[in-house]
């Protein structure tokens, strides 16, 4: 029975990890994809603008 207790934690972690990956893959896209993409694009544009102007973005910009 020692081999069962030795293998159980890695098997449980593997099953949990596969479940997390499946949830991540299934939630990609969907109705909010365009909204999320627009938010990321806006954040990247603010960061790029701040980098080019030489100032750090303030907390009120977010």
PDB file of N, CA and C in Angstrom:
ATOM      1  N   UNK A   1       0.807  -1.201   0.000  1.00  0.00           N
ATOM      2  CA  UNK A   1       0.000   0.000   0.000  1.00  0.00           C
ATOM      3  C   UNK A   1       0.851   1.266   0.000  1.00  0.00           C
ATOM      4  N   UNK A   2       2.133   1.148   0.234  1.00  0.00           N
ATOM      5  CA  UNK A   2       2.985   2.333   0.223  1.00  0.00           C
ATOM      6  C   UNK A   2       3.013   2.988  -1.153  1.00  0.00           C
ATOM      7  N   UNK A   3       2.935   2.185  -2.214  1.00  0.00           N
ATOM      8  CA  UNK A   3       2.984   2.751  -3.557  1.00  0.00           C
ATOM      9  C   UNK A   3       1.721   3.576  -3.840  1.00  0.00           C
ATOM     10  N   UNK A   4       0.587   3.186  -3.281  1.00  0.00           N
ATOM     11  CA  UNK A   4      -0.643   3.964  -3.476  1.00  0.00           C
ATOM     12  C   UNK A   4      -0.508   5.327  -2.792  1.00  0.00           C
ATOM     13  N   UNK A   5      -0.042   5.342  -1.576  1.00  0.00           N
ATOM     14  CA  UNK A   5       0.108   6.614  -0.882  1.00  0.00           C
ATOM     15  C   UNK A   5       1.213   7.463  -1.519  1.00  0.00           C
ATOM     16  N   UNK A   6       2.161   6.845  -2.181  1.00  0.00           N
ATOM     17  CA  UNK A   6       3.215   7.599  -2.861  1.00  0.00           C
ATOM     18  C   UNK A   6       2.721   8.194  -4.177  1.00  0.00           C
ATOM     19  N   UNK A   7       1.818   7.503  -4.848  1.00  0.00           N
ATOM     20  CA  UNK A   7       1.335   7.969  -6.154  1.00  0.00           C
ATOM     21  C   UNK A   7       0.107   8.880  -6.056  1.00  0.00           C
ATOM     22  N   UNK A   8      -0.612   8.827  -4.969  1.00  0.00           N
ATOM     23  CA  UNK A   8      -1.844   9.594  -4.867  1.00  0.00           C
ATOM     24  C   UNK A   8      -1.645  11.107  -4.997  1.00  0.00           C
ATOM     25  N   UNK A   9      -0.722  11.723  -4.285  1.00  0.00           N
ATOM     26  CA  UNK A   9      -0.578  13.188  -4.437  1.00  0.00           C
ATOM     27  C   UNK A   9      -0.250  13.648  -5.863  1.00  0.00           C
ATOM     28  N   UNK A  10       0.687  12.996  -6.571  1.00  0.00           N
ATOM     29  CA  UNK A  10       0.942  13.454  -7.943  1.00  0.00           C
ATOM     30  C   UNK A  10      -0.259  13.259  -8.868  1.00  0.00           C
ATOM     31  N   UNK A  11      -1.008  12.188  -8.666  1.00  0.00           N
ATOM     32  CA  UNK A  11      -2.173  11.942  -9.510  1.00  0.00           C
ATOM     33  C   UNK A  11      -3.251  12.993  -9.235  1.00  0.00           C
ATOM     34  N   UNK A  12      -3.470  13.310  -7.982  1.00  0.00           N
ATOM     35  CA  UNK A  12      -4.461  14.332  -7.634  1.00  0.00           C
ATOM     36  C   UNK A  12      -4.046  15.677  -8.206  1.00  0.00           C
ATOM     37  N   UNK A  13      -2.784  16.022  -8.100  1.00  0.00           N
ATOM     38  CA  UNK A  13      -2.311  17.290  -8.645  1.00  0.00           C
ATOM     39  C   UNK A  13      -2.433  17.318 -10.170  1.00  0.00           C
ATOM     40  N   UNK A  14      -2.151  16.202 -10.827  1.00  0.00           N
ATOM     41  CA  UNK A  14      -2.262  16.137 -12.280  1.00  0.00           C
ATOM     42  C   UNK A  14      -3.718  16.333 -12.710  1.00  0.00           C
ATOM     43  N   UNK A  15      -4.640  15.702 -12.028  1.00  0.00           N
ATOM     44  CA  UNK A  15      -6.056  15.847 -12.360  1.00  0.00           C
ATOM     45  C   UNK A  15      -6.496  17.297 -12.137  1.00  0.00           C
ATOM     46  N   UNK A  16      -6.075  17.884 -11.028  1.00  0.00           N
ATOM     47  CA  UNK A  16      -6.417  19.278 -10.746  1.00  0.00           C
ATOM     48  C   UNK A  16      -5.844  20.204 -11.819  1.00  0.00           C
ATOM     49  N   UNK A  17      -4.590  19.980 -12.204  1.00  0.00           N
ATOM     50  CA  UNK A  17      -3.931  20.812 -13.209  1.00  0.00           C
ATOM     51  C   UNK A  17      -4.655  20.713 -14.550  1.00  0.00           C
ATOM     52  N   UNK A  18      -5.020  19.504 -14.953  1.00  0.00           N
ATOM     53  CA  UNK A  18      -5.743  19.313 -16.209  1.00  0.00           C
ATOM     54  C   UNK A  18      -7.087  20.035 -16.150  1.00  0.00           C
ATOM     55  N   UNK A  19      -7.754  19.969 -15.009  1.00  0.00           N
ATOM     56  CA  UNK A  19      -9.022  20.681 -14.858  1.00  0.00           C
ATOM     57  C   UNK A  19      -8.857  22.179 -14.992  1.00  0.00           C
ATOM     58  N   UNK A  20      -7.825  22.726 -14.385  1.00  0.00           N
ATOM     59  CA  UNK A  20      -7.574  24.171 -14.481  1.00  0.00           C
ATOM     60  C   UNK A  20      -7.294  24.575 -15.927  1.00  0.00           C
ATOM     61  N   UNK A  21      -6.485  23.798 -16.614  1.00  0.00           N
ATOM     62  CA  UNK A  21      -6.168  24.100 -18.018  1.00  0.00           C
ATOM     63  C   UNK A  21      -7.438  24.050 -18.870  1.00  0.00           C
ATOM     64  N   UNK A  22      -8.296  23.064 -18.634  1.00  0.00           N
ATOM     65  CA  UNK A  22      -9.540  22.958 -19.399  1.00  0.00           C
ATOM     66  C   UNK A  22     -10.437  24.171 -19.157  1.00  0.00           C
ATOM     67  N   UNK A  23     -10.519  24.634 -17.917  1.00  0.00           N
ATOM     68  CA  UNK A  23     -11.330  25.812 -17.619  1.00  0.00           C
ATOM     69  C   UNK A  23     -10.755  27.037 -18.316  1.00  0.00           C
ATOM     70  N   UNK A  24      -9.454  27.183 -18.293  1.00  0.00           N
ATOM     71  CA  UNK A  24      -8.817  28.334 -18.942  1.00  0.00           C
ATOM     72  C   UNK A  24      -9.093  28.315 -20.443  1.00  0.00           C
ATOM     73  N   UNK A  25      -8.953  27.157 -21.058  1.00  0.00           N
ATOM     74  CA  UNK A  25      -9.165  27.054 -22.505  1.00  0.00           C
ATOM     75  C   UNK A  25     -10.629  27.311 -22.855  1.00  0.00           C
ATOM     76  N   UNK A  26     -11.546  26.779 -22.068  1.00  0.00           N
ATOM     77  CA  UNK A  26     -12.974  26.959 -22.364  1.00  0.00           C
ATOM     78  C   UNK A  26     -13.425  28.401 -22.175  1.00  0.00           C
ATOM     79  N   UNK A  27     -12.804  29.143 -21.285  1.00  0.00           N
ATOM     80  CA  UNK A  27     -13.246  30.512 -21.029  1.00  0.00           C
ATOM     81  C   UNK A  27     -12.576  31.517 -21.953  1.00  0.00           C
ATOM     82  N   UNK A  28     -11.707  31.089 -22.826  1.00  0.00           N
ATOM     83  CA  UNK A  28     -11.109  32.009 -23.791  1.00  0.00           C
ATOM     84  C   UNK A  28     -12.143  32.349 -24.846  1.00  0.00           C
ATOM     85  N   UNK A  29     -12.208  33.588 -25.211  1.00  0.00           N
ATOM     86  CA  UNK A  29     -13.180  33.997 -26.214  1.00  0.00           C
ATOM     87  C   UNK A  29     -14.519  34.273 -25.574  1.00  0.00           C
ATOM     88  N   UNK A  30     -15.561  33.992 -26.285  1.00  0.00           N
ATOM     89  CA  UNK A  30     -16.895  34.202 -25.757  1.00  0.00           C
ATOM     90  C   UNK A  30     -17.383  35.616 -25.979  1.00  0.00           C
ATOM     91  N   UNK A  31     -18.443  35.963 -25.249  1.00  0.00           N
ATOM     92  CA  UNK A  31     -19.109  37.245 -25.452  1.00  0.00           C
ATOM     93  C   UNK A  31     -18.231  38.430 -25.051  1.00  0.00           C
ATOM     94  N   UNK A  32     -17.355  38.247 -24.072  1.00  0.00           N
ATOM     95  CA  UNK A  32     -16.554  39.369 -23.570  1.00  0.00           C
ATOM     96  C   UNK A  32     -15.195  39.495 -24.241  1.00  0.00           C
ATOM     97  N   UNK A  33     -14.912  38.681 -25.250  1.00  0.00           N
ATOM     98  CA  UNK A  33     -13.586  38.696 -25.858  1.00  0.00           C
ATOM     99  C   UNK A  33     -13.239  40.069 -26.430  1.00  0.00           C
ATOM    100  N   UNK A  34     -14.137  40.684 -27.170  1.00  0.00           N
ATOM    101  CA  UNK A  34     -13.846  41.995 -27.769  1.00  0.00           C
ATOM    102  C   UNK A  34     -13.634  43.047 -26.688  1.00  0.00           C
ATOM    103  N   UNK A  35     -14.421  42.995 -25.634  1.00  0.00           N
ATOM    104  CA  UNK A  35     -14.288  43.952 -24.536  1.00  0.00           C
ATOM    105  C   UNK A  35     -12.948  43.779 -23.828  1.00  0.00           C
ATOM    106  N   UNK A  36     -12.565  42.519 -23.571  1.00  0.00           N
ATOM    107  CA  UNK A  36     -11.286  42.257 -22.916  1.00  0.00           C
ATOM    108  C   UNK A  36     -10.120  42.675 -23.810  1.00  0.00           C
ATOM    109  N   UNK A  37     -10.220  42.375 -25.112  1.00  0.00           N
ATOM    110  CA  UNK A  37      -9.159  42.764 -26.037  1.00  0.00           C
ATOM    111  C   UNK A  37      -9.015  44.282 -26.097  1.00  0.00           C
ATOM    112  N   UNK A  38     -10.138  44.999 -26.082  1.00  0.00           N
ATOM    113  CA  UNK A  38     -10.089  46.462 -26.122  1.00  0.00           C
ATOM    114  C   UNK A  38      -9.436  47.012 -24.858  1.00  0.00           C
ATOM    115  N   UNK A  39      -9.724  46.409 -23.712  1.00  0.00           N
ATOM    116  CA  UNK A  39      -9.116  46.868 -22.460  1.00  0.00           C
ATOM    117  C   UNK A  39      -7.608  46.652 -22.473  1.00  0.00           C
ATOM    118  N   UNK A  40      -7.176  45.514 -22.982  1.00  0.00           N
ATOM    119  CA  UNK A  40      -5.741  45.226 -23.064  1.00  0.00           C
ATOM    120  C   UNK A  40      -5.065  46.176 -24.043  1.00  0.00           C
ATOM    121  N   UNK A  41      -5.695  46.402 -25.192  1.00  0.00           N
ATOM    122  CA  UNK A  41      -5.124  47.327 -26.173  1.00  0.00           C
ATOM    123  C   UNK A  41      -4.998  48.733 -25.609  1.00  0.00           C
ATOM    124  N   UNK A  42      -6.007  49.175 -24.844  1.00  0.00           N
ATOM    125  CA  UNK A  42      -5.947  50.511 -24.247  1.00  0.00           C
ATOM    126  C   UNK A  42      -4.827  50.594 -23.217  1.00  0.00           C
ATOM    127  N   UNK A  43      -4.666  49.551 -22.412  1.00  0.00           N
ATOM    128  CA  UNK A  43      -3.604  49.556 -21.406  1.00  0.00           C
ATOM    129  C   UNK A  43      -2.230  49.564 -22.076  1.00  0.00           C
ATOM    130  N   UNK A  44      -2.085  48.792 -23.139  1.00  0.00           N
ATOM    131  CA  UNK A  44      -0.803  48.774 -23.850  1.00  0.00           C
ATOM    132  C   UNK A  44      -0.516  50.131 -24.505  1.00  0.00           C
ATOM    133  N   UNK A  45      -1.545  50.756 -25.038  1.00  0.00           N
ATOM    134  CA  UNK A  45      -1.349  52.068 -25.658  1.00  0.00           C
ATOM    135  C   UNK A  45      -0.942  53.106 -24.616  1.00  0.00           C
ATOM    136  N   UNK A  46      -1.579  53.064 -23.421  1.00  0.00           N
ATOM    137  CA  UNK A  46      -1.191  53.996 -22.346  1.00  0.00           C
ATOM    138  C   UNK A  46       0.250  53.757 -21.928  1.00  0.00           C
ATOM    139  N   UNK A  47       0.635  52.483 -21.805  1.00  0.00           N
ATOM    140  CA  UNK A  47       2.005  52.176 -21.392  1.00  0.00           C
ATOM    141  C   UNK A  47       3.010  52.629 -22.447  1.00  0.00           C
ATOM    142  N   UNK A  48       2.670  52.413 -23.708  1.00  0.00           N
ATOM    143  CA  UNK A  48       3.567  52.826 -24.783  1.00  0.00           C
ATOM    144  C   UNK A  48       3.673  54.353 -24.830  1.00  0.00           C
ATOM    145  N   UNK A  49       2.548  55.030 -24.655  1.00  0.00           N
ATOM    146  CA  UNK A  49       2.574  56.495 -24.645  1.00  0.00           C
ATOM    147  C   UNK A  49       3.383  57.037 -23.485  1.00  0.00           C
ATOM    148  N   UNK A  50       3.258  56.431 -22.324  1.00  0.00           N
ATOM    149  CA  UNK A  50       4.021  56.870 -21.160  1.00  0.00           C
ATOM    150  C   UNK A  50       5.507  56.603 -21.354  1.00  0.00           C
ATOM    151  N   UNK A  51       5.819  55.478 -21.971  1.00  0.00           N
ATOM    152  CA  UNK A  51       7.229  55.149 -22.202  1.00  0.00           C
ATOM    153  C   UNK A  51       7.856  56.137 -23.178  1.00  0.00           C
ATOM    154  N   UNK A  52       7.112  56.509 -24.209  1.00  0.00           N
ATOM    155  CA  UNK A  52       7.652  57.432 -25.196  1.00  0.00           C
ATOM    156  C   UNK A  52       7.778  58.849 -24.635  1.00  0.00           C
ATOM    157  N   UNK A  53       6.871  59.229 -23.742  1.00  0.00           N
ATOM    158  CA  UNK A  53       6.943  60.581 -23.184  1.00  0.00           C
ATOM    159  C   UNK A  53       7.910  60.645 -22.005  1.00  0.00           C
ATOM    160  N   UNK A  54       8.310  59.488 -21.495  1.00  0.00           N
ATOM    161  CA  UNK A  54       9.287  59.459 -20.424  1.00  0.00           C
ATOM    162  C   UNK A  54       8.700  59.597 -19.046  1.00  0.00           C
ATOM    163  N   UNK A  55       7.389  59.470 -18.917  1.00  0.00           N
ATOM    164  CA  UNK A  55       6.747  59.551 -17.612  1.00  0.00           C
ATOM    165  C   UNK A  55       6.071  58.230 -17.287  1.00  0.00           C
ATOM    166  N   UNK A  56       5.949  57.970 -16.018  1.00  0.00           N
ATOM    167  CA  UNK A  56       5.255  56.760 -15.601  1.00  0.00           C
ATOM    168  C   UNK A  56       3.768  57.041 -15.528  1.00  0.00           C
ATOM    169  N   UNK A  57       2.932  56.066 -15.907  1.00  0.00           N
ATOM    170  CA  UNK A  57       1.485  56.302 -15.827  1.00  0.00           C
ATOM    171  C   UNK A  57       1.037  56.431 -14.376  1.00  0.00           C
ATOM    172  N   UNK A  58       0.125  57.355 -14.137  1.00  0.00           N
ATOM    173  CA  UNK A  58      -0.366  57.547 -12.766  1.00  0.00           C
ATOM    174  C   UNK A  58      -1.448  56.534 -12.473  1.00  0.00           C
ATOM    175  N   UNK A  59      -1.806  56.412 -11.200  1.00  0.00           N
ATOM    176  CA  UNK A  59      -2.831  55.461 -10.781  1.00  0.00           C
ATOM    177  C   UNK A  59      -4.202  55.862 -11.299  1.00  0.00           C
ATOM    178  N   UNK A  60      -4.412  57.146 -11.585  1.00  0.00           N
ATOM    179  CA  UNK A  60      -5.726  57.590 -12.072  1.00  0.00           C
ATOM    180  C   UNK A  60      -5.919  57.242 -13.546  1.00  0.00           C
ATOM    181  N   UNK A  61      -4.861  56.882 -14.256  1.00  0.00           N
ATOM    182  CA  UNK A  61      -4.969  56.502 -15.660  1.00  0.00           C
ATOM    183  C   UNK A  61      -5.585  55.126 -15.815  1.00  0.00           C
ATOM    184  N   UNK A  62      -5.488  54.280 -14.814  1.00  0.00           N
ATOM    185  CA  UNK A  62      -5.971  52.902 -14.937  1.00  0.00           C
ATOM    186  C   UNK A  62      -7.417  52.825 -14.823  1.00  0.00           C
TER     187      UNK A  62
END
